[in-house]
C-alpha cells in the first residue's frame, strides 16, 4: 500500500529502528552483536533482530 511502517538509521556502531511516528522501537549494537527493545532496553537477542521490534 506504500505506507511507511518504520525507518532504520545507522549512527556509528549503533543501528536505530523508529516507527512511522518517529518513536524508538529498538537498537542494535554492532560491537556487542545484540538487539535491545527501544522502550525499556530489554535484550531481544543476539544479532540484528530489529524487524522483530515492529508491530
N, C-alpha and C. Protein backbone atom coordinates (compact mmCIF):
# COMPACT_ATOMS: atom_id res chain seq x y z
N UNK A 1 0.82 -1.20 0.00
CA UNK A 1 0.00 0.00 0.00
C UNK A 1 0.87 1.26 0.00
N UNK A 2 2.19 1.10 0.12
CA UNK A 2 3.08 2.24 0.07
C UNK A 2 3.17 3.04 1.35
N UNK A 3 2.73 2.46 2.47
CA UNK A 3 2.74 3.16 3.75
C UNK A 3 4.04 2.90 4.48
N UNK A 4 4.66 3.95 5.02
CA UNK A 4 5.88 3.82 5.81
C UNK A 4 5.53 3.20 7.16
N UNK A 5 6.22 2.10 7.53
CA UNK A 5 5.96 1.46 8.82
C UNK A 5 7.15 1.59 9.76
N UNK A 6 8.29 2.02 9.24
CA UNK A 6 9.46 2.18 10.10
C UNK A 6 10.64 2.70 9.30
N UNK A 7 11.67 3.09 10.06
CA UNK A 7 12.87 3.61 9.44
C UNK A 7 14.08 3.14 10.22
N UNK A 8 15.09 2.68 9.51
CA UNK A 8 16.34 2.24 10.13
C UNK A 8 17.39 3.31 9.88
N UNK A 9 18.05 3.75 10.98
CA UNK A 9 19.07 4.79 10.90
C UNK A 9 20.34 4.26 11.57
N UNK A 10 21.46 4.32 10.85
CA UNK A 10 22.75 3.90 11.41
C UNK A 10 23.52 5.11 11.89
N UNK A 11 24.14 4.97 13.08
CA UNK A 11 24.98 6.02 13.63
C UNK A 11 26.18 5.35 14.28
N UNK A 12 27.27 5.25 13.54
CA UNK A 12 28.45 4.57 14.05
C UNK A 12 28.20 3.09 14.24
N UNK A 13 28.38 2.60 15.47
CA UNK A 13 28.20 1.18 15.77
C UNK A 13 26.81 0.84 16.28
N UNK A 14 25.89 1.79 16.20
CA UNK A 14 24.52 1.55 16.68
C UNK A 14 23.54 1.79 15.53
N UNK A 15 22.57 0.88 15.41
CA UNK A 15 21.51 1.00 14.41
C UNK A 15 20.20 1.18 15.17
N UNK A 16 19.44 2.21 14.78
CA UNK A 16 18.18 2.53 15.45
C UNK A 16 17.02 2.20 14.54
N UNK A 17 15.96 1.67 15.12
CA UNK A 17 14.71 1.44 14.39
C UNK A 17 13.65 2.34 14.99
N UNK A 18 13.03 3.16 14.14
CA UNK A 18 11.96 4.05 14.59
C UNK A 18 10.70 3.73 13.80
N UNK A 19 9.54 3.88 14.46
CA UNK A 19 8.27 3.62 13.78
C UNK A 19 7.87 4.81 12.93
N UNK A 20 6.69 4.76 12.32
CA UNK A 20 6.24 5.81 11.40
C UNK A 20 6.07 7.16 12.08
N UNK A 21 5.94 7.18 13.40
CA UNK A 21 5.78 8.44 14.13
C UNK A 21 7.10 8.91 14.76
N UNK A 22 8.19 8.20 14.48
CA UNK A 22 9.50 8.59 14.98
C UNK A 22 9.84 8.05 16.35
N UNK A 23 8.99 7.21 16.92
CA UNK A 23 9.26 6.62 18.24
C UNK A 23 10.29 5.50 18.11
N UNK A 24 11.23 5.47 19.05
CA UNK A 24 12.27 4.44 19.05
C UNK A 24 11.66 3.08 19.38
N UNK A 25 11.87 2.11 18.49
CA UNK A 25 11.33 0.77 18.68
C UNK A 25 12.40 -0.22 19.10
N UNK A 26 13.66 0.03 18.70
CA UNK A 26 14.74 -0.89 19.06
C UNK A 26 16.08 -0.36 18.63
N UNK A 27 17.13 -0.94 19.22
CA UNK A 27 18.50 -0.59 18.84
C UNK A 27 19.31 -1.87 18.67
N UNK A 28 20.25 -1.80 17.76
CA UNK A 28 21.17 -2.92 17.53
C UNK A 28 22.58 -2.38 17.71
N UNK A 29 23.34 -3.00 18.61
CA UNK A 29 24.72 -2.63 18.86
C UNK A 29 25.61 -3.58 18.06
N UNK A 30 26.32 -3.04 17.06
CA UNK A 30 27.14 -3.87 16.18
C UNK A 30 28.31 -4.51 16.92
N UNK A 31 28.92 -3.77 17.84
CA UNK A 31 30.09 -4.29 18.56
C UNK A 31 29.69 -5.45 19.46
N UNK A 32 28.61 -5.30 20.21
CA UNK A 32 28.13 -6.36 21.10
C UNK A 32 27.35 -7.44 20.34
N UNK A 33 26.90 -7.11 19.11
CA UNK A 33 26.09 -8.01 18.28
C UNK A 33 24.80 -8.40 19.01
N UNK A 34 24.13 -7.39 19.60
CA UNK A 34 22.89 -7.64 20.35
C UNK A 34 21.85 -6.59 19.99
N UNK A 35 20.57 -7.01 20.05
CA UNK A 35 19.44 -6.13 19.77
C UNK A 35 18.68 -5.90 21.06
N UNK A 36 18.30 -4.62 21.28
CA UNK A 36 17.59 -4.23 22.50
C UNK A 36 16.27 -3.56 22.16
N UNK A 37 15.27 -3.74 23.02
CA UNK A 37 13.98 -3.09 22.92
C UNK A 37 14.16 -1.59 23.09
N UNK A 38 13.42 -0.79 22.36
CA UNK A 38 13.55 0.65 22.42
C UNK A 38 12.87 1.29 23.61
N UNK A 39 11.88 0.63 24.18
CA UNK A 39 11.12 1.23 25.27
C UNK A 39 11.81 1.06 26.62
N UNK A 40 12.22 -0.16 26.94
CA UNK A 40 12.77 -0.45 28.25
C UNK A 40 14.22 -0.94 28.20
N UNK A 41 14.76 -1.11 27.02
CA UNK A 41 16.13 -1.54 26.88
C UNK A 41 16.37 -3.01 27.15
N UNK A 42 15.31 -3.82 27.12
CA UNK A 42 15.45 -5.26 27.34
C UNK A 42 16.14 -5.91 26.15
N UNK A 43 16.93 -6.92 26.42
CA UNK A 43 17.61 -7.67 25.37
C UNK A 43 16.59 -8.47 24.56
N UNK A 44 16.62 -8.29 23.24
CA UNK A 44 15.77 -9.06 22.33
C UNK A 44 16.49 -10.34 21.93
N UNK A 45 17.79 -10.24 21.61
CA UNK A 45 18.54 -11.41 21.23
C UNK A 45 19.87 -11.04 20.57
N UNK A 46 20.60 -12.06 20.19
CA UNK A 46 21.89 -11.88 19.52
C UNK A 46 21.66 -11.59 18.04
N UNK A 47 22.55 -10.80 17.46
CA UNK A 47 22.42 -10.45 16.06
C UNK A 47 21.45 -9.31 15.85
N UNK A 48 21.29 -8.89 14.60
CA UNK A 48 20.38 -7.81 14.26
C UNK A 48 18.98 -8.36 14.11
N UNK A 49 18.14 -8.15 15.10
CA UNK A 49 16.76 -8.61 15.09
C UNK A 49 15.78 -7.45 15.18
N UNK A 50 16.16 -6.31 14.63
CA UNK A 50 15.34 -5.11 14.73
C UNK A 50 13.94 -5.28 14.16
N UNK A 51 13.81 -6.03 13.10
CA UNK A 51 12.48 -6.20 12.50
C UNK A 51 11.49 -6.88 13.43
N UNK A 52 11.98 -7.59 14.42
CA UNK A 52 11.10 -8.21 15.42
C UNK A 52 10.46 -7.16 16.31
N UNK A 53 11.02 -5.96 16.34
CA UNK A 53 10.52 -4.88 17.20
C UNK A 53 9.34 -4.14 16.58
N UNK A 54 9.08 -4.33 15.28
CA UNK A 54 7.95 -3.66 14.64
C UNK A 54 6.65 -4.32 15.04
N UNK A 55 5.61 -3.51 15.15
CA UNK A 55 4.27 -4.04 15.50
C UNK A 55 3.62 -4.69 14.31
